[in-house]
Amino acid sequence: MYFDRFDICEAFYAFAMEQHNGQNSKEYAYFGRLKKLGFRPSPLFKGYESLNENGKEIYNNLKDN
């Protein structure tokens, strides 16, 4: 795993998209934080399957913790 801001943002977005438990969950709050960073996913973004190898590793680390 290496530091790449875009991979991190995509991984957090995919994690929030697939794991949140409603608008009051901490995972849902990631959407607001990502918006403040100016992150907008591609219209073709399909979650986990769209992540590259580094993004998937970051996502899996989020899921494990």
PDB file of N, CA and C in Angstrom:
ATOM      1  N   MET A   1       0.860  -1.168   0.000  1.00  0.00           N
ATOM      2  CA  MET A   1       0.000   0.000   0.000  1.00  0.00           C
ATOM      3  C   MET A   1       0.904   1.228   0.000  1.00  0.00           C
ATOM      4  N   TYR A   2       0.547   2.221  -0.791  1.00  0.00           N
ATOM      5  CA  TYR A   2       1.303   3.463  -0.855  1.00  0.00           C
ATOM      6  C   TYR A   2       0.328   4.638  -0.817  1.00  0.00           C
ATOM      7  N   PHE A   3       0.869   5.827  -0.504  1.00  0.00           N
ATOM      8  CA  PHE A   3       0.040   7.011  -0.367  1.00  0.00           C
ATOM      9  C   PHE A   3      -0.281   7.583  -1.738  1.00  0.00           C
ATOM     10  N   ASP A   4      -1.544   7.627  -2.061  1.00  0.00           N
ATOM     11  CA  ASP A   4      -2.039   8.287  -3.267  1.00  0.00           C
ATOM     12  C   ASP A   4      -3.389   8.871  -2.903  1.00  0.00           C
ATOM     13  N   ARG A   5      -3.478  10.195  -2.910  1.00  0.00           N
ATOM     14  CA  ARG A   5      -4.690  10.874  -2.429  1.00  0.00           C
ATOM     15  C   ARG A   5      -5.939  10.414  -3.170  1.00  0.00           C
ATOM     16  N   PHE A   6      -5.830  10.258  -4.489  1.00  0.00           N
ATOM     17  CA  PHE A   6      -6.992   9.850  -5.272  1.00  0.00           C
ATOM     18  C   PHE A   6      -7.434   8.437  -4.890  1.00  0.00           C
ATOM     19  N   ASP A   7      -6.486   7.505  -4.723  1.00  0.00           N
ATOM     20  CA  ASP A   7      -6.827   6.136  -4.313  1.00  0.00           C
ATOM     21  C   ASP A   7      -7.504   6.131  -2.951  1.00  0.00           C
ATOM     22  N   ILE A   8      -7.005   6.970  -2.056  1.00  0.00           N
ATOM     23  CA  ILE A   8      -7.580   7.047  -0.707  1.00  0.00           C
ATOM     24  C   ILE A   8      -9.018   7.562  -0.777  1.00  0.00           C
ATOM     25  N   CYS A   9      -9.229   8.624  -1.543  1.00  0.00           N
ATOM     26  CA  CYS A   9     -10.583   9.186  -1.670  1.00  0.00           C
ATOM     27  C   CYS A   9     -11.531   8.177  -2.305  1.00  0.00           C
ATOM     28  N   GLU A  10     -11.081   7.504  -3.367  1.00  0.00           N
ATOM     29  CA  GLU A  10     -11.941   6.506  -4.007  1.00  0.00           C
ATOM     30  C   GLU A  10     -12.267   5.362  -3.056  1.00  0.00           C
ATOM     31  N   ALA A  11     -11.273   4.913  -2.291  1.00  0.00           N
ATOM     32  CA  ALA A  11     -11.500   3.807  -1.363  1.00  0.00           C
ATOM     33  C   ALA A  11     -12.485   4.211  -0.265  1.00  0.00           C
ATOM     34  N   PHE A  12     -12.334   5.414   0.279  1.00  0.00           N
ATOM     35  CA  PHE A  12     -13.261   5.878   1.309  1.00  0.00           C
ATOM     36  C   PHE A  12     -14.662   6.053   0.737  1.00  0.00           C
ATOM     37  N   TYR A  13     -14.758   6.544  -0.496  1.00  0.00           N
ATOM     38  CA  TYR A  13     -16.066   6.711  -1.129  1.00  0.00           C
ATOM     39  C   TYR A  13     -16.746   5.353  -1.322  1.00  0.00           C
ATOM     40  N   ALA A  14     -16.003   4.385  -1.837  1.00  0.00           N
ATOM     41  CA  ALA A  14     -16.559   3.045  -2.046  1.00  0.00           C
ATOM     42  C   ALA A  14     -16.969   2.429  -0.714  1.00  0.00           C
ATOM     43  N   PHE A  15     -16.134   2.613   0.306  1.00  0.00           N
ATOM     44  CA  PHE A  15     -16.445   2.072   1.631  1.00  0.00           C
ATOM     45  C   PHE A  15     -17.724   2.700   2.178  1.00  0.00           C
ATOM     46  N   ALA A  16     -17.838   4.008   2.082  1.00  0.00           N
ATOM     47  CA  ALA A  16     -19.038   4.693   2.580  1.00  0.00           C
ATOM     48  C   ALA A  16     -20.265   4.274   1.788  1.00  0.00           C
ATOM     49  N   MET A  17     -20.102   4.138   0.486  1.00  0.00           N
ATOM     50  CA  MET A  17     -21.211   3.771  -0.387  1.00  0.00           C
ATOM     51  C   MET A  17     -21.748   2.372  -0.053  1.00  0.00           C
ATOM     52  N   GLU A  18     -20.858   1.452   0.269  1.00  0.00           N
ATOM     53  CA  GLU A  18     -21.254   0.060   0.463  1.00  0.00           C
ATOM     54  C   GLU A  18     -21.475  -0.326   1.927  1.00  0.00           C
ATOM     55  N   GLN A  19     -20.970   0.468   2.878  1.00  0.00           N
ATOM     56  CA  GLN A  19     -21.010   0.043   4.279  1.00  0.00           C
ATOM     57  C   GLN A  19     -21.815   0.941   5.214  1.00  0.00           C
ATOM     58  N   HIS A  20     -22.308   2.086   4.745  1.00  0.00           N
ATOM     59  CA  HIS A  20     -22.993   2.994   5.678  1.00  0.00           C
ATOM     60  C   HIS A  20     -24.333   2.406   6.131  1.00  0.00           C
ATOM     61  N   ASN A  21     -24.730   2.830   7.319  1.00  0.00           N
ATOM     62  CA  ASN A  21     -25.981   2.357   7.926  1.00  0.00           C
ATOM     63  C   ASN A  21     -26.972   3.495   8.093  1.00  0.00           C
ATOM     64  N   GLY A  22     -27.080   4.342   7.098  1.00  0.00           N
ATOM     65  CA  GLY A  22     -27.998   5.469   7.172  1.00  0.00           C
ATOM     66  C   GLY A  22     -27.266   6.781   7.346  1.00  0.00           C
ATOM     67  N   GLN A  23     -28.008   7.861   7.293  1.00  0.00           N
ATOM     68  CA  GLN A  23     -27.413   9.188   7.308  1.00  0.00           C
ATOM     69  C   GLN A  23     -26.739   9.560   8.617  1.00  0.00           C
ATOM     70  N   ASN A  24     -27.024   8.886   9.682  1.00  0.00           N
ATOM     71  CA  ASN A  24     -26.400   9.217  10.958  1.00  0.00           C
ATOM     72  C   ASN A  24     -25.180   8.366  11.263  1.00  0.00           C
ATOM     73  N   SER A  25     -24.765   7.521  10.343  1.00  0.00           N
ATOM     74  CA  SER A  25     -23.610   6.657  10.592  1.00  0.00           C
ATOM     75  C   SER A  25     -22.311   7.406  10.297  1.00  0.00           C
ATOM     76  N   LYS A  26     -21.222   6.947  10.933  1.00  0.00           N
ATOM     77  CA  LYS A  26     -19.933   7.595  10.709  1.00  0.00           C
ATOM     78  C   LYS A  26     -19.455   7.360   9.279  1.00  0.00           C
ATOM     79  N   GLU A  27     -19.835   6.235   8.691  1.00  0.00           N
ATOM     80  CA  GLU A  27     -19.440   5.959   7.309  1.00  0.00           C
ATOM     81  C   GLU A  27     -20.095   6.951   6.352  1.00  0.00           C
ATOM     82  N   TYR A  28     -21.329   7.327   6.614  1.00  0.00           N
ATOM     83  CA  TYR A  28     -22.033   8.287   5.758  1.00  0.00           C
ATOM     84  C   TYR A  28     -21.365   9.662   5.824  1.00  0.00           C
ATOM     85  N   ALA A  29     -20.776   9.982   6.965  1.00  0.00           N
ATOM     86  CA  ALA A  29     -20.098  11.273   7.129  1.00  0.00           C
ATOM     87  C   ALA A  29     -18.901  11.405   6.193  1.00  0.00           C
ATOM     88  N   TYR A  30     -18.359  10.290   5.717  1.00  0.00           N
ATOM     89  CA  TYR A  30     -17.240  10.342   4.766  1.00  0.00           C
ATOM     90  C   TYR A  30     -17.633  11.082   3.494  1.00  0.00           C
ATOM     91  N   PHE A  31     -18.895  10.988   3.072  1.00  0.00           N
ATOM     92  CA  PHE A  31     -19.340  11.692   1.869  1.00  0.00           C
ATOM     93  C   PHE A  31     -19.126  13.196   2.014  1.00  0.00           C
ATOM     94  N   GLY A  32     -19.494  13.743   3.166  1.00  0.00           N
ATOM     95  CA  GLY A  32     -19.314  15.174   3.412  1.00  0.00           C
ATOM     96  C   GLY A  32     -17.852  15.576   3.445  1.00  0.00           C
ATOM     97  N   ARG A  33     -17.026  14.745   4.055  1.00  0.00           N
ATOM     98  CA  ARG A  33     -15.597  15.044   4.120  1.00  0.00           C
ATOM     99  C   ARG A  33     -14.973  15.015   2.730  1.00  0.00           C
ATOM    100  N   LEU A  34     -15.374  14.040   1.932  1.00  0.00           N
ATOM    101  CA  LEU A  34     -14.842  13.935   0.575  1.00  0.00           C
ATOM    102  C   LEU A  34     -15.296  15.112  -0.287  1.00  0.00           C
ATOM    103  N   LYS A  35     -16.517  15.567  -0.071  1.00  0.00           N
ATOM    104  CA  LYS A  35     -17.019  16.725  -0.816  1.00  0.00           C
ATOM    105  C   LYS A  35     -16.208  17.972  -0.483  1.00  0.00           C
ATOM    106  N   LYS A  36     -15.850  18.146   0.807  1.00  0.00           N
ATOM    107  CA  LYS A  36     -15.032  19.289   1.219  1.00  0.00           C
ATOM    108  C   LYS A  36     -13.657  19.252   0.555  1.00  0.00           C
ATOM    109  N   LEU A  37     -13.154  18.059   0.274  1.00  0.00           N
ATOM    110  CA  LEU A  37     -11.870  17.924  -0.418  1.00  0.00           C
ATOM    111  C   LEU A  37     -11.997  18.169  -1.917  1.00  0.00           C
ATOM    112  N   GLY A  38     -13.230  18.267  -2.395  1.00  0.00           N
ATOM    113  CA  GLY A  38     -13.462  18.479  -3.819  1.00  0.00           C
ATOM    114  C   GLY A  38     -13.499  17.185  -4.612  1.00  0.00           C
ATOM    115  N   PHE A  39     -13.644  16.067  -3.929  1.00  0.00           N
ATOM    116  CA  PHE A  39     -13.667  14.775  -4.612  1.00  0.00           C
ATOM    117  C   PHE A  39     -15.049  14.479  -5.172  1.00  0.00           C
ATOM    118  N   ARG A  40     -15.080  14.120  -6.430  1.00  0.00           N
ATOM    119  CA  ARG A  40     -16.301  13.642  -7.076  1.00  0.00           C
ATOM    120  C   ARG A  40     -15.918  12.412  -7.894  1.00  0.00           C
ATOM    121  N   PRO A  41     -16.543  11.285  -7.640  1.00  0.00           N
ATOM    122  CA  PRO A  41     -16.184  10.089  -8.401  1.00  0.00           C
ATOM    123  C   PRO A  41     -16.661  10.187  -9.848  1.00  0.00           C
ATOM    124  N   SER A  42     -16.046   9.418 -10.685  1.00  0.00           N
ATOM    125  CA  SER A  42     -16.443   9.338 -12.088  1.00  0.00           C
ATOM    126  C   SER A  42     -17.867   8.801 -12.179  1.00  0.00           C
ATOM    127  N   PRO A  43     -18.625   9.215 -13.180  1.00  0.00           N
ATOM    128  CA  PRO A  43     -19.966   8.634 -13.377  1.00  0.00           C
ATOM    129  C   PRO A  43     -19.898   7.124 -13.644  1.00  0.00           C
ATOM    130  N   LEU A  44     -18.741   6.637 -14.040  1.00  0.00           N
ATOM    131  CA  LEU A  44     -18.562   5.210 -14.311  1.00  0.00           C
ATOM    132  C   LEU A  44     -18.119   4.427 -13.076  1.00  0.00           C
ATOM    133  N   PHE A  45     -17.942   5.122 -11.939  1.00  0.00           N
ATOM    134  CA  PHE A  45     -17.474   4.470 -10.713  1.00  0.00           C
ATOM    135  C   PHE A  45     -18.495   3.462 -10.224  1.00  0.00           C
ATOM    136  N   LYS A  46     -18.052   2.241  -9.982  1.00  0.00           N
ATOM    137  CA  LYS A  46     -18.953   1.157  -9.558  1.00  0.00           C
ATOM    138  C   LYS A  46     -18.575   0.578  -8.204  1.00  0.00           C
ATOM    139  N   GLY A  47     -17.929   1.360  -7.376  1.00  0.00           N
ATOM    140  CA  GLY A  47     -17.575   0.878  -6.055  1.00  0.00           C
ATOM    141  C   GLY A  47     -16.302   0.068  -6.066  1.00  0.00           C
ATOM    142  N   TYR A  48     -16.274  -0.963  -5.251  1.00  0.00           N
ATOM    143  CA  TYR A  48     -15.069  -1.766  -5.040  1.00  0.00           C
ATOM    144  C   TYR A  48     -14.458  -2.259  -6.338  1.00  0.00           C
ATOM    145  N   GLU A  49     -15.272  -2.698  -7.271  1.00  0.00           N
ATOM    146  CA  GLU A  49     -14.741  -3.258  -8.517  1.00  0.00           C
ATOM    147  C   GLU A  49     -14.037  -2.206  -9.375  1.00  0.00           C
ATOM    148  N   SER A  50     -14.278  -0.935  -9.142  1.00  0.00           N
ATOM    149  CA  SER A  50     -13.623   0.128  -9.900  1.00  0.00           C
ATOM    150  C   SER A  50     -12.268   0.539  -9.310  1.00  0.00           C
ATOM    151  N   LEU A  51     -11.968   0.083  -8.104  1.00  0.00           N
ATOM    152  CA  LEU A  51     -10.721   0.467  -7.452  1.00  0.00           C
ATOM    153  C   LEU A  51      -9.529  -0.251  -8.076  1.00  0.00           C
ATOM    154  N   ASN A  52      -8.379   0.438  -8.082  1.00  0.00           N
ATOM    155  CA  ASN A  52      -7.161  -0.235  -8.512  1.00  0.00           C
ATOM    156  C   ASN A  52      -6.622  -1.061  -7.339  1.00  0.00           C
ATOM    157  N   GLU A  53      -5.492  -1.707  -7.529  1.00  0.00           N
ATOM    158  CA  GLU A  53      -4.953  -2.604  -6.496  1.00  0.00           C
ATOM    159  C   GLU A  53      -4.693  -1.869  -5.183  1.00  0.00           C
ATOM    160  N   ASN A  54      -4.107  -0.683  -5.259  1.00  0.00           N
ATOM    161  CA  ASN A  54      -3.841   0.103  -4.062  1.00  0.00           C
ATOM    162  C   ASN A  54      -5.145   0.519  -3.381  1.00  0.00           C
ATOM    163  N   GLY A  55      -6.125   0.956  -4.163  1.00  0.00           N
ATOM    164  CA  GLY A  55      -7.421   1.337  -3.609  1.00  0.00           C
ATOM    165  C   GLY A  55      -8.118   0.177  -2.917  1.00  0.00           C
ATOM    166  N   LYS A  56      -8.027  -1.006  -3.500  1.00  0.00           N
ATOM    167  CA  LYS A  56      -8.639  -2.188  -2.886  1.00  0.00           C
ATOM    168  C   LYS A  56      -7.957  -2.538  -1.572  1.00  0.00           C
ATOM    169  N   GLU A  57      -6.651  -2.345  -1.507  1.00  0.00           N
ATOM    170  CA  GLU A  57      -5.934  -2.614  -0.266  1.00  0.00           C
ATOM    171  C   GLU A  57      -6.356  -1.622   0.823  1.00  0.00           C
ATOM    172  N   ILE A  58      -6.512  -0.352   0.454  1.00  0.00           N
ATOM    173  CA  ILE A  58      -6.972   0.669   1.399  1.00  0.00           C
ATOM    174  C   ILE A  58      -8.393   0.334   1.864  1.00  0.00           C
ATOM    175  N   TYR A  59      -9.273  -0.022   0.931  1.00  0.00           N
ATOM    176  CA  TYR A  59     -10.659  -0.395   1.241  1.00  0.00           C
ATOM    177  C   TYR A  59     -10.686  -1.571   2.213  1.00  0.00           C
ATOM    178  N   ASN A  60      -9.920  -2.616   1.923  1.00  0.00           N
ATOM    179  CA  ASN A  60      -9.883  -3.793   2.787  1.00  0.00           C
ATOM    180  C   ASN A  60      -9.375  -3.458   4.175  1.00  0.00           C
ATOM    181  N   ASN A  61      -8.419  -2.535   4.260  1.00  0.00           N
ATOM    182  CA  ASN A  61      -7.915  -2.088   5.559  1.00  0.00           C
ATOM    183  C   ASN A  61      -9.016  -1.356   6.326  1.00  0.00           C
ATOM    184  N   LEU A  62      -9.793  -0.526   5.650  1.00  0.00           N
ATOM    185  CA  LEU A  62     -10.932   0.150   6.293  1.00  0.00           C
ATOM    186  C   LEU A  62     -11.945  -0.854   6.811  1.00  0.00           C
ATOM    187  N   LYS A  63     -12.231  -1.857   5.996  1.00  0.00           N
ATOM    188  CA  LYS A  63     -13.226  -2.858   6.351  1.00  0.00           C
ATOM    189  C   LYS A  63     -12.761  -3.698   7.548  1.00  0.00           C
ATOM    190  N   ASP A  64     -11.476  -4.020   7.594  1.00  0.00           N
ATOM    191  CA  ASP A  64     -10.946  -4.827   8.692  1.00  0.00           C
ATOM    192  C   ASP A  64     -10.924  -4.086  10.016  1.00  0.00           C
ATOM    193  N   ASN A  65     -10.836  -2.750   9.936  1.00  0.00           N
ATOM    194  CA  ASN A  65     -10.797  -1.952  11.168  1.00  0.00           C
ATOM    195  C   ASN A  65     -12.162  -1.443  11.446  1.00  0.00           C
TER     196      ASN A  65
END
